[in-house]
Amino acid sequence: MFIELAAPAALAGAGRAATAVSQPVAARPAPARRLLAAAPPYKEHQMSVLSADAGAADEAGLAGPPKARLAWAGAAGRHAVIVVLSLLSIVPIYWMYASSLRRPGDILSQNPLPWPLSLRNYDYVLHSLEVPVLLANTLVIAAASTVGQLLVCLLAAYAFAAWDFRGKNVLFLLFVVTWLVPFQVCRGRTR
């Protein structure tokens, strides 16, 4: 079994037609033999792609099939959609920070660049609110919620995994549905 390899001079672009070098598979190192054994067999018209002769690829009909061009166009379209959606997500965040850096009198300005910059809004928030108390409250609520969720979910997971009982699938479905609807939505109105 022989493998056709393009000569280094042909790969560098020297000369119009490429010369081929044949090497027995047994002369190659063991990992390469393993890769070649797993590779699908090549057809004769595919071997011409290895040559540096551009005309051989055109003659074989492999110089750019329409499917490849359509795949590239589809990929470019998907990337364009991703870029547009990313910008739609980033612009409101930028606008929030830009508005926070405006002077209080310029807060309703439509200019995308906040100039002159002002930290007066941050100073107002830090001096009018008790930030350390708010952070401590957040830490206590977050820790209590985490511990409570861990206990309930751990015990529920054990019950669903270890026991078989009537209504297990319905109860599990209800348990999973509670993950989809936030607690704030289920509370109802408070006045």
N, C-alpha and C. Protein backbone atom coordinates (compact mmCIF):
# COMPACT_ATOMS: atom_id res chain seq x y z
N MET A 1 0.85 -1.19 0.00
CA MET A 1 0.00 0.00 0.00
C MET A 1 0.89 1.23 0.00
N PHE A 2 0.70 2.14 -0.94
CA PHE A 2 1.50 3.34 -1.06
C PHE A 2 0.61 4.56 -0.90
N ILE A 3 1.20 5.64 -0.39
CA ILE A 3 0.49 6.90 -0.19
C ILE A 3 1.15 7.93 -1.07
N GLU A 4 0.38 8.73 -1.74
CA GLU A 4 0.91 9.78 -2.58
C GLU A 4 0.99 11.06 -1.77
N LEU A 5 2.17 11.64 -1.69
CA LEU A 5 2.37 12.89 -0.98
C LEU A 5 2.87 13.93 -1.96
N ALA A 6 2.45 15.16 -1.80
CA ALA A 6 2.93 16.24 -2.66
C ALA A 6 4.34 16.61 -2.23
N ALA A 7 5.20 16.87 -3.18
CA ALA A 7 6.57 17.23 -2.90
C ALA A 7 6.63 18.61 -2.26
N PRO A 8 7.60 18.85 -1.36
CA PRO A 8 7.70 20.18 -0.72
C PRO A 8 7.84 21.32 -1.70
N ALA A 9 8.56 21.12 -2.80
CA ALA A 9 8.72 22.20 -3.79
C ALA A 9 7.38 22.55 -4.41
N ALA A 10 6.54 21.55 -4.61
CA ALA A 10 5.24 21.82 -5.22
C ALA A 10 4.34 22.56 -4.24
N LEU A 11 4.45 22.24 -2.95
CA LEU A 11 3.63 22.94 -1.96
C LEU A 11 4.05 24.39 -1.82
N ALA A 12 5.33 24.66 -2.07
CA ALA A 12 5.82 26.03 -1.97
C ALA A 12 5.45 26.85 -3.19
N GLY A 13 4.90 26.19 -4.20
CA GLY A 13 4.46 26.93 -5.38
C GLY A 13 5.48 26.94 -6.50
N ALA A 14 6.60 26.17 -6.38
CA ALA A 14 7.60 26.14 -7.43
C ALA A 14 7.15 25.18 -8.51
N GLY A 15 6.99 25.67 -9.70
CA GLY A 15 6.61 24.81 -10.81
C GLY A 15 5.10 24.72 -10.96
N ARG A 16 4.66 24.36 -12.15
CA ARG A 16 3.23 24.30 -12.44
C ARG A 16 2.64 22.97 -11.99
N ALA A 17 3.29 21.88 -12.27
CA ALA A 17 2.76 20.57 -11.92
C ALA A 17 3.50 20.03 -10.71
N ALA A 18 2.78 19.35 -9.87
CA ALA A 18 3.39 18.81 -8.66
C ALA A 18 3.93 17.44 -8.94
N THR A 19 5.03 17.14 -8.29
CA THR A 19 5.56 15.79 -8.37
C THR A 19 5.10 15.04 -7.15
N ALA A 20 4.99 13.75 -7.25
CA ALA A 20 4.49 12.95 -6.15
C ALA A 20 5.59 12.06 -5.63
N VAL A 21 5.62 11.83 -4.35
CA VAL A 21 6.58 10.95 -3.71
C VAL A 21 5.78 9.80 -3.13
N SER A 22 6.22 8.59 -3.41
CA SER A 22 5.53 7.43 -2.87
C SER A 22 6.33 6.86 -1.72
N GLN A 23 5.65 6.56 -0.64
CA GLN A 23 6.27 5.94 0.52
C GLN A 23 5.44 4.75 0.93
N PRO A 24 6.07 3.66 1.26
CA PRO A 24 5.29 2.55 1.80
C PRO A 24 4.77 2.90 3.18
N VAL A 25 3.58 2.39 3.52
CA VAL A 25 2.98 2.67 4.82
C VAL A 25 3.83 2.11 5.93
N ALA A 26 4.51 0.98 5.70
CA ALA A 26 5.32 0.36 6.75
C ALA A 26 6.49 1.25 7.16
N ALA A 27 6.94 2.17 6.27
CA ALA A 27 8.06 3.04 6.61
C ALA A 27 7.64 4.18 7.51
N ARG A 28 6.36 4.41 7.68
CA ARG A 28 5.89 5.51 8.52
C ARG A 28 5.86 5.08 9.97
N PRO A 29 5.90 6.02 10.93
CA PRO A 29 5.79 5.67 12.35
C PRO A 29 4.43 5.05 12.67
N ALA A 30 4.39 4.36 13.79
CA ALA A 30 3.19 3.61 14.18
C ALA A 30 1.94 4.48 14.31
N PRO A 31 1.97 5.69 14.96
CA PRO A 31 0.73 6.48 15.06
C PRO A 31 0.17 6.87 13.70
N ALA A 32 1.03 7.16 12.74
CA ALA A 32 0.54 7.53 11.42
C ALA A 32 -0.12 6.34 10.74
N ARG A 33 0.43 5.12 10.94
CA ARG A 33 -0.20 3.93 10.36
C ARG A 33 -1.58 3.74 10.93
N ARG A 34 -1.73 3.97 12.25
CA ARG A 34 -3.03 3.82 12.88
C ARG A 34 -4.05 4.81 12.31
N LEU A 35 -3.62 6.07 12.10
CA LEU A 35 -4.51 7.08 11.54
C LEU A 35 -4.90 6.73 10.11
N LEU A 36 -3.93 6.24 9.34
CA LEU A 36 -4.23 5.90 7.95
C LEU A 36 -5.14 4.69 7.86
N ALA A 37 -5.01 3.77 8.80
CA ALA A 37 -5.86 2.58 8.77
C ALA A 37 -7.30 2.97 9.07
N ALA A 38 -7.51 4.02 9.90
CA ALA A 38 -8.87 4.44 10.26
C ALA A 38 -9.48 5.37 9.23
N ALA A 39 -8.65 5.92 8.33
CA ALA A 39 -9.15 6.88 7.36
C ALA A 39 -9.94 6.16 6.26
N PRO A 40 -10.97 6.81 5.70
CA PRO A 40 -11.72 6.19 4.61
C PRO A 40 -10.85 6.11 3.37
N PRO A 41 -11.10 5.15 2.51
CA PRO A 41 -10.28 5.04 1.28
C PRO A 41 -10.54 6.22 0.35
N TYR A 42 -9.48 6.65 -0.34
CA TYR A 42 -9.60 7.77 -1.26
C TYR A 42 -9.96 7.25 -2.64
N LYS A 43 -10.71 8.02 -3.38
CA LYS A 43 -11.00 7.70 -4.76
C LYS A 43 -9.94 8.36 -5.63
N GLU A 44 -9.77 7.88 -6.83
CA GLU A 44 -8.71 8.38 -7.70
C GLU A 44 -8.86 9.87 -7.98
N HIS A 45 -10.10 10.35 -8.21
CA HIS A 45 -10.25 11.76 -8.57
C HIS A 45 -9.96 12.67 -7.38
N GLN A 46 -10.01 12.14 -6.14
CA GLN A 46 -9.70 12.96 -4.97
C GLN A 46 -8.20 13.14 -4.80
N MET A 47 -7.41 12.23 -5.34
CA MET A 47 -5.96 12.32 -5.20
C MET A 47 -5.42 13.53 -5.92
N SER A 48 -6.09 14.01 -6.97
CA SER A 48 -5.58 15.14 -7.71
C SER A 48 -5.62 16.42 -6.89
N VAL A 49 -6.41 16.47 -5.80
CA VAL A 49 -6.46 17.65 -4.96
C VAL A 49 -5.14 17.84 -4.23
N LEU A 50 -4.40 16.73 -4.01
CA LEU A 50 -3.12 16.84 -3.34
C LEU A 50 -2.06 17.49 -4.20
N SER A 51 -2.26 17.56 -5.48
CA SER A 51 -1.27 18.17 -6.34
C SER A 51 -1.39 19.68 -6.29
N ALA A 52 -0.30 20.35 -6.60
CA ALA A 52 -0.30 21.81 -6.58
C ALA A 52 -0.83 22.38 -7.88
N ASP A 53 -1.16 21.54 -8.85
CA ASP A 53 -1.68 22.00 -10.12
C ASP A 53 -3.14 22.42 -9.94
N ALA A 54 -3.44 23.71 -10.04
CA ALA A 54 -4.80 24.20 -9.82
C ALA A 54 -5.74 23.68 -10.90
N GLY A 55 -5.23 23.45 -12.08
CA GLY A 55 -6.07 22.97 -13.17
C GLY A 55 -6.59 21.57 -12.92
N ALA A 56 -5.83 20.74 -12.21
CA ALA A 56 -6.27 19.37 -11.94
C ALA A 56 -7.47 19.36 -11.02
N ALA A 57 -7.51 20.26 -10.06
CA ALA A 57 -8.66 20.33 -9.15
C ALA A 57 -9.90 20.83 -9.89
N ASP A 58 -9.70 21.78 -10.81
CA ASP A 58 -10.83 22.28 -11.59
C ASP A 58 -11.39 21.19 -12.50
N GLU A 59 -10.48 20.42 -13.12
CA GLU A 59 -10.92 19.36 -14.02
C GLU A 59 -11.68 18.28 -13.27
N ALA A 60 -11.28 18.01 -12.04
CA ALA A 60 -11.95 16.97 -11.26
C ALA A 60 -13.27 17.48 -10.67
N GLY A 61 -13.53 18.78 -10.79
CA GLY A 61 -14.78 19.33 -10.28
C GLY A 61 -14.77 19.55 -8.77
N LEU A 62 -13.58 19.72 -8.20
CA LEU A 62 -13.49 19.87 -6.74
C LEU A 62 -13.04 21.26 -6.32
N ALA A 63 -13.08 22.24 -7.20
CA ALA A 63 -12.51 23.55 -6.90
C ALA A 63 -13.42 24.44 -6.09
N GLY A 64 -14.53 24.06 -5.68
CA GLY A 64 -15.42 24.89 -4.90
C GLY A 64 -16.85 24.52 -5.17
N PRO A 65 -17.29 23.42 -4.64
CA PRO A 65 -18.66 22.98 -4.92
C PRO A 65 -19.68 23.97 -4.39
N PRO A 66 -20.85 24.05 -5.00
CA PRO A 66 -21.88 24.99 -4.56
C PRO A 66 -22.32 24.74 -3.13
N LYS A 67 -22.29 23.49 -2.68
CA LYS A 67 -22.70 23.20 -1.30
C LYS A 67 -21.78 23.90 -0.31
N ALA A 68 -20.48 23.91 -0.60
CA ALA A 68 -19.53 24.57 0.30
C ALA A 68 -19.79 26.08 0.33
N ARG A 69 -20.09 26.66 -0.84
CA ARG A 69 -20.38 28.10 -0.87
C ARG A 69 -21.66 28.40 -0.10
N LEU A 70 -22.67 27.53 -0.25
CA LEU A 70 -23.92 27.74 0.49
C LEU A 70 -23.70 27.57 1.99
N ALA A 71 -22.86 26.62 2.37
CA ALA A 71 -22.58 26.42 3.80
C ALA A 71 -21.87 27.65 4.37
N TRP A 72 -20.94 28.22 3.58
CA TRP A 72 -20.24 29.41 4.04
C TRP A 72 -21.21 30.58 4.19
N ALA A 73 -22.11 30.74 3.23
CA ALA A 73 -23.08 31.83 3.29
C ALA A 73 -24.02 31.64 4.48
N GLY A 74 -24.42 30.41 4.73
CA GLY A 74 -25.28 30.14 5.89
C GLY A 74 -24.57 30.45 7.19
N ALA A 75 -23.29 30.07 7.27
CA ALA A 75 -22.51 30.35 8.48
C ALA A 75 -22.34 31.86 8.67
N ALA A 76 -22.10 32.58 7.58
CA ALA A 76 -21.95 34.04 7.66
C ALA A 76 -23.26 34.68 8.12
N GLY A 77 -24.38 34.18 7.61
CA GLY A 77 -25.68 34.71 8.03
C GLY A 77 -25.94 34.45 9.51
N ARG A 78 -25.60 33.25 9.97
CA ARG A 78 -25.78 32.94 11.40
C ARG A 78 -24.90 33.83 12.27
N HIS A 79 -23.67 34.06 11.82
CA HIS A 79 -22.79 34.94 12.59
C HIS A 79 -23.31 36.37 12.61
N ALA A 80 -23.86 36.83 11.51
CA ALA A 80 -24.43 38.18 11.47
C ALA A 80 -25.59 38.30 12.45
N VAL A 81 -26.44 37.27 12.51
CA VAL A 81 -27.55 37.29 13.47
C VAL A 81 -27.03 37.31 14.90
N ILE A 82 -26.00 36.54 15.17
CA ILE A 82 -25.42 36.51 16.52
C ILE A 82 -24.84 37.87 16.89
N VAL A 83 -24.18 38.53 15.94
CA VAL A 83 -23.60 39.86 16.22
C VAL A 83 -24.71 40.86 16.51
N VAL A 84 -25.78 40.84 15.73
CA VAL A 84 -26.89 41.78 15.95
C VAL A 84 -27.54 41.52 17.31
N LEU A 85 -27.79 40.26 17.63
CA LEU A 85 -28.39 39.95 18.93
C LEU A 85 -27.47 40.32 20.09
N SER A 86 -26.17 40.15 19.91
CA SER A 86 -25.21 40.55 20.95
C SER A 86 -25.24 42.05 21.17
N LEU A 87 -25.30 42.80 20.07
CA LEU A 87 -25.37 44.26 20.22
C LEU A 87 -26.67 44.67 20.90
N LEU A 88 -27.78 44.00 20.56
CA LEU A 88 -29.05 44.32 21.22
C LEU A 88 -29.00 44.01 22.71
N SER A 89 -28.18 43.07 23.10
CA SER A 89 -28.04 42.75 24.52
C SER A 89 -27.08 43.69 25.24
N ILE A 90 -26.06 44.14 24.54
CA ILE A 90 -25.02 44.95 25.18
C ILE A 90 -25.41 46.42 25.26
N VAL A 91 -26.15 46.93 24.28
CA VAL A 91 -26.48 48.36 24.24
C VAL A 91 -27.24 48.82 25.49
N PRO A 92 -28.25 48.09 25.99
CA PRO A 92 -28.92 48.57 27.22
C PRO A 92 -27.99 48.62 28.44
N ILE A 93 -27.06 47.68 28.51
CA ILE A 93 -26.11 47.70 29.63
C ILE A 93 -25.18 48.90 29.51
N TYR A 94 -24.71 49.16 28.29
CA TYR A 94 -23.89 50.35 28.07
C TYR A 94 -24.67 51.61 28.42
N TRP A 95 -25.93 51.67 27.99
CA TRP A 95 -26.75 52.87 28.24
C TRP A 95 -26.94 53.10 29.74
N MET A 96 -27.10 52.01 30.50
CA MET A 96 -27.27 52.13 31.95
C MET A 96 -26.02 52.76 32.57
N TYR A 97 -24.83 52.25 32.19
CA TYR A 97 -23.60 52.81 32.76
C TYR A 97 -23.35 54.22 32.25
N ALA A 98 -23.64 54.47 30.98
CA ALA A 98 -23.45 55.82 30.44
C ALA A 98 -24.38 56.81 31.15
N SER A 99 -25.61 56.41 31.42
CA SER A 99 -26.55 57.31 32.13
C SER A 99 -26.11 57.54 33.56
N SER A 100 -25.49 56.56 34.18
CA SER A 100 -25.04 56.74 35.57
C SER A 100 -23.87 57.71 35.66
N LEU A 101 -23.17 57.91 34.57
CA LEU A 101 -22.03 58.83 34.58
C LEU A 101 -22.39 60.23 34.09
N ARG A 102 -23.66 60.49 33.80
CA ARG A 102 -24.08 61.83 33.38
C ARG A 102 -24.32 62.72 34.60
N ARG A 103 -24.30 64.00 34.36
CA ARG A 103 -24.68 64.93 35.43
C ARG A 103 -26.18 64.80 35.68
N PRO A 104 -26.66 65.06 36.89
CA PRO A 104 -28.10 64.91 37.17
C PRO A 104 -29.00 65.69 36.22
N GLY A 105 -28.60 66.83 35.74
CA GLY A 105 -29.41 67.61 34.83
C GLY A 105 -29.43 67.05 33.41
N ASP A 106 -28.44 66.20 33.07
CA ASP A 106 -28.33 65.65 31.72
C ASP A 106 -28.84 64.21 31.63
N ILE A 107 -29.53 63.74 32.63
CA ILE A 107 -29.92 62.32 32.69
C ILE A 107 -30.83 61.92 31.54
N LEU A 108 -31.63 62.83 31.00
CA LEU A 108 -32.54 62.51 29.90
C LEU A 108 -31.95 62.82 28.53
N SER A 109 -30.65 63.13 28.48
CA SER A 109 -29.98 63.43 27.22
C SER A 109 -29.93 62.18 26.35
N GLN A 110 -30.09 62.34 25.04
CA GLN A 110 -30.05 61.22 24.09
C GLN A 110 -28.66 61.00 23.51
N ASN A 111 -27.69 61.77 23.93
CA ASN A 111 -26.33 61.63 23.44
C ASN A 111 -25.75 60.30 23.94
N PRO A 112 -25.23 59.43 23.06
CA PRO A 112 -24.73 58.13 23.52
C PRO A 112 -23.45 58.22 24.35
N LEU A 113 -22.72 59.33 24.21
CA LEU A 113 -21.50 59.50 25.01
C LEU A 113 -21.78 60.48 26.14
N PRO A 114 -21.62 60.05 27.40
CA PRO A 114 -21.88 60.96 28.52
C PRO A 114 -20.72 61.93 28.72
N TRP A 115 -20.93 63.15 28.28
CA TRP A 115 -19.85 64.14 28.46
C TRP A 115 -20.43 65.44 28.92
N PRO A 116 -19.94 66.06 29.91
CA PRO A 116 -18.81 65.71 30.77
C PRO A 116 -19.20 64.60 31.76
N LEU A 117 -18.21 63.82 32.14
CA LEU A 117 -18.43 62.72 33.07
C LEU A 117 -18.64 63.27 34.48
N SER A 118 -19.49 62.61 35.22
CA SER A 118 -19.79 63.04 36.58
C SER A 118 -19.99 61.81 37.47
N LEU A 119 -19.43 61.82 38.65
CA LEU A 119 -19.62 60.74 39.63
C LEU A 119 -20.59 61.18 40.73
N ARG A 120 -21.31 62.27 40.49
CA ARG A 120 -22.24 62.80 41.48
C ARG A 120 -23.35 61.80 41.82
N ASN A 121 -23.82 61.02 40.84
CA ASN A 121 -24.88 60.03 41.09
C ASN A 121 -24.40 58.93 42.02
N TYR A 122 -23.16 58.48 41.85
CA TYR A 122 -22.62 57.46 42.73
C TYR A 122 -22.44 58.00 44.15
N ASP A 123 -21.99 59.23 44.24
CA ASP A 123 -21.84 59.85 45.56
C ASP A 123 -23.18 59.95 46.28
N TYR A 124 -24.23 60.31 45.54
CA TYR A 124 -25.57 60.42 46.12
C TYR A 124 -26.06 59.07 46.65
N VAL A 125 -25.88 58.02 45.85
CA VAL A 125 -26.34 56.69 46.27
C VAL A 125 -25.58 56.20 47.48
N LEU A 126 -24.27 56.36 47.48
CA LEU A 126 -23.47 55.85 48.60
C LEU A 126 -23.73 56.61 49.90
N HIS A 127 -24.11 57.90 49.83
CA HIS A 127 -24.36 58.67 51.05
C HIS A 127 -25.82 58.65 51.47
N SER A 128 -26.75 58.33 50.58
CA SER A 128 -28.15 58.35 50.97
C SER A 128 -28.65 56.97 51.40
N LEU A 129 -27.97 55.91 51.01
CA LEU A 129 -28.36 54.56 51.39
C LEU A 129 -27.32 53.97 52.34
N GLU A 130 -27.76 53.06 53.18
CA GLU A 130 -26.83 52.37 54.08
C GLU A 130 -26.35 51.11 53.39
N VAL A 131 -25.32 51.25 52.57
CA VAL A 131 -24.84 50.16 51.73
C VAL A 131 -24.35 48.96 52.55
N PRO A 132 -23.60 49.14 53.65
CA PRO A 132 -23.17 47.95 54.41
C PRO A 132 -24.35 47.15 54.98
N VAL A 133 -25.41 47.81 55.41
CA VAL A 133 -26.58 47.11 55.92
C VAL A 133 -27.27 46.34 54.79
N LEU A 134 -27.39 46.97 53.62
CA LEU A 134 -28.00 46.31 52.48
C LEU A 134 -27.19 45.07 52.05
N LEU A 135 -25.86 45.18 52.06
CA LEU A 135 -25.02 44.04 51.71
C LEU A 135 -25.15 42.91 52.73
N ALA A 136 -25.23 43.25 54.02
CA ALA A 136 -25.39 42.23 55.06
C ALA A 136 -26.74 41.53 54.91
N ASN A 137 -27.80 42.29 54.65
CA ASN A 137 -29.11 41.67 54.43
C ASN A 137 -29.09 40.72 53.23
N THR A 138 -28.44 41.13 52.16
CA THR A 138 -28.34 40.30 50.97
C THR A 138 -27.59 39.01 51.27
N LEU A 139 -26.51 39.11 52.02
CA LEU A 139 -25.72 37.92 52.38
C LEU A 139 -26.54 36.95 53.22
N VAL A 140 -27.28 37.46 54.21
CA VAL A 140 -28.09 36.59 55.08
C VAL A 140 -29.19 35.90 54.27
N ILE A 141 -29.89 36.64 53.44
CA ILE A 141 -30.98 36.05 52.65
C ILE A 141 -30.43 35.03 51.66
N ALA A 142 -29.32 35.35 51.00
CA ALA A 142 -28.74 34.42 50.02
C ALA A 142 -28.26 33.14 50.69
N ALA A 143 -27.63 33.24 51.85
CA ALA A 143 -27.14 32.06 52.56
C ALA A 143 -28.30 31.20 53.05
N ALA A 144 -29.34 31.82 53.61
CA ALA A 144 -30.49 31.06 54.11
C ALA A 144 -31.23 30.37 52.95
N SER A 145 -31.38 31.05 51.83
CA SER A 145 -32.05 30.46 50.67
C SER A 145 -31.25 29.29 50.12
N THR A 146 -29.93 29.43 50.07
CA THR A 146 -29.08 28.36 49.55
C THR A 146 -29.14 27.13 50.44
N VAL A 147 -29.04 27.31 51.75
CA VAL A 147 -29.09 26.17 52.67
C VAL A 147 -30.46 25.51 52.61
N GLY A 148 -31.52 26.29 52.58
CA GLY A 148 -32.87 25.72 52.50
C GLY A 148 -33.09 24.94 51.21
N GLN A 149 -32.65 25.49 50.09
CA GLN A 149 -32.78 24.80 48.82
C GLN A 149 -31.97 23.51 48.80
N LEU A 150 -30.77 23.54 49.35
CA LEU A 150 -29.95 22.33 49.39
C LEU A 150 -30.61 21.23 50.20
N LEU A 151 -31.17 21.57 51.35
CA LEU A 151 -31.83 20.56 52.18
C LEU A 151 -33.05 19.97 51.48
N VAL A 152 -33.90 20.80 50.95
CA VAL A 152 -35.12 20.31 50.29
C VAL A 152 -34.77 19.49 49.05
N CYS A 153 -33.86 19.98 48.23
CA CYS A 153 -33.52 19.28 46.99
C CYS A 153 -32.78 17.98 47.27
N LEU A 154 -31.93 17.96 48.28
CA LEU A 154 -31.22 16.74 48.63
C LEU A 154 -32.18 15.65 49.08
N LEU A 155 -33.09 16.00 49.96
CA LEU A 155 -34.06 15.01 50.43
C LEU A 155 -35.02 14.58 49.33
N ALA A 156 -35.46 15.50 48.50
CA ALA A 156 -36.35 15.15 47.39
C ALA A 156 -35.63 14.26 46.38
N ALA A 157 -34.38 14.56 46.08
CA ALA A 157 -33.62 13.74 45.13
C ALA A 157 -33.45 12.32 45.66
N TYR A 158 -33.19 12.18 46.94
CA TYR A 158 -33.06 10.84 47.52
C TYR A 158 -34.39 10.09 47.43
N ALA A 159 -35.48 10.74 47.74
CA ALA A 159 -36.78 10.08 47.69
C ALA A 159 -37.14 9.66 46.27
N PHE A 160 -36.89 10.51 45.28
CA PHE A 160 -37.22 10.17 43.90
C PHE A 160 -36.30 9.07 43.36
N ALA A 161 -35.05 9.01 43.82
CA ALA A 161 -34.10 8.03 43.31
C ALA A 161 -34.25 6.67 44.00
N ALA A 162 -34.55 6.65 45.29
CA ALA A 162 -34.50 5.40 46.05
C ALA A 162 -35.86 4.73 46.22
N TRP A 163 -36.94 5.45 46.23
CA TRP A 163 -38.25 4.87 46.53
C TRP A 163 -39.14 4.86 45.30
N ASP A 164 -39.95 3.81 45.21
CA ASP A 164 -41.01 3.75 44.20
C ASP A 164 -42.34 3.88 44.92
N PHE A 165 -43.13 4.84 44.53
CA PHE A 165 -44.43 5.05 45.17
C PHE A 165 -45.41 5.54 44.13
N ARG A 166 -46.68 5.43 44.44
CA ARG A 166 -47.74 5.85 43.53
C ARG A 166 -47.70 7.38 43.37
N GLY A 167 -47.80 7.85 42.15
CA GLY A 167 -47.80 9.29 41.89
C GLY A 167 -46.40 9.89 41.84
N LYS A 168 -45.36 9.05 41.78
CA LYS A 168 -43.99 9.53 41.77
C LYS A 168 -43.71 10.43 40.57
N ASN A 169 -44.15 9.99 39.38
CA ASN A 169 -43.88 10.78 38.17
C ASN A 169 -44.63 12.11 38.17
N VAL A 170 -45.88 12.11 38.65
CA VAL A 170 -46.65 13.36 38.72
C VAL A 170 -46.03 14.32 39.72
N LEU A 171 -45.62 13.81 40.87
CA LEU A 171 -44.98 14.66 41.88
C LEU A 171 -43.65 15.20 41.38
N PHE A 172 -42.89 14.36 40.68
CA PHE A 172 -41.63 14.83 40.12
C PHE A 172 -41.86 15.92 39.08
N LEU A 173 -42.90 15.74 38.26
CA LEU A 173 -43.23 16.76 37.26
C LEU A 173 -43.59 18.08 37.93
N LEU A 174 -44.39 18.03 38.98
CA LEU A 174 -44.74 19.26 39.70
C LEU A 174 -43.50 19.91 40.33
N PHE A 175 -42.61 19.08 40.84
CA PHE A 175 -41.37 19.57 41.44
C PHE A 175 -40.51 20.29 40.40
N VAL A 176 -40.42 19.71 39.19
CA VAL A 176 -39.62 20.31 38.12
C VAL A 176 -40.28 21.59 37.61
N VAL A 177 -41.62 21.62 37.54
CA VAL A 177 -42.32 22.81 37.06
C VAL A 177 -42.07 24.00 37.98
N THR A 178 -41.87 23.75 39.27
CA THR A 178 -41.59 24.87 40.19
C THR A 178 -40.26 25.53 39.87
N TRP A 179 -39.35 24.83 39.20
CA TRP A 179 -38.10 25.45 38.80
C TRP A 179 -38.31 26.43 37.65
N LEU A 180 -39.33 26.21 36.85
CA LEU A 180 -39.56 27.03 35.66
C LEU A 180 -40.25 28.35 35.97
N VAL A 181 -41.03 28.39 37.04
CA VAL A 181 -41.77 29.60 37.39
C VAL A 181 -41.13 30.21 38.63
N PRO A 182 -40.63 31.43 38.55
CA PRO A 182 -40.00 32.04 39.72
C PRO A 182 -41.00 32.27 40.87
N PHE A 183 -40.48 32.28 42.08
CA PHE A 183 -41.32 32.45 43.26
C PHE A 183 -42.03 33.80 43.24
N GLN A 184 -41.38 34.82 42.74
CA GLN A 184 -41.97 36.16 42.72
C GLN A 184 -43.24 36.20 41.87
N VAL A 185 -43.34 35.36 40.86
CA VAL A 185 -44.53 35.32 40.01
C VAL A 185 -45.68 34.66 40.75
N CYS A 186 -45.38 33.68 41.58
CA CYS A 186 -46.43 32.91 42.28
C CYS A 186 -46.98 33.60 43.52
N ARG A 187 -46.31 34.63 44.02
CA ARG A 187 -46.73 35.26 45.26
C ARG A 187 -48.06 35.98 45.18
N GLY A 188 -48.37 36.51 44.04
CA GLY A 188 -49.61 37.29 43.92
C GLY A 188 -49.36 38.75 44.30
N ARG A 189 -50.43 39.52 44.33
CA ARG A 189 -50.31 40.95 44.62
C ARG A 189 -50.25 41.21 46.13
N THR A 190 -49.39 42.15 46.48
CA THR A 190 -49.34 42.61 47.87
C THR A 190 -49.42 44.13 47.84
N ARG A 191 -50.30 44.68 48.64
CA ARG A 191 -50.43 46.15 48.68
C ARG A 191 -50.26 46.64 50.07
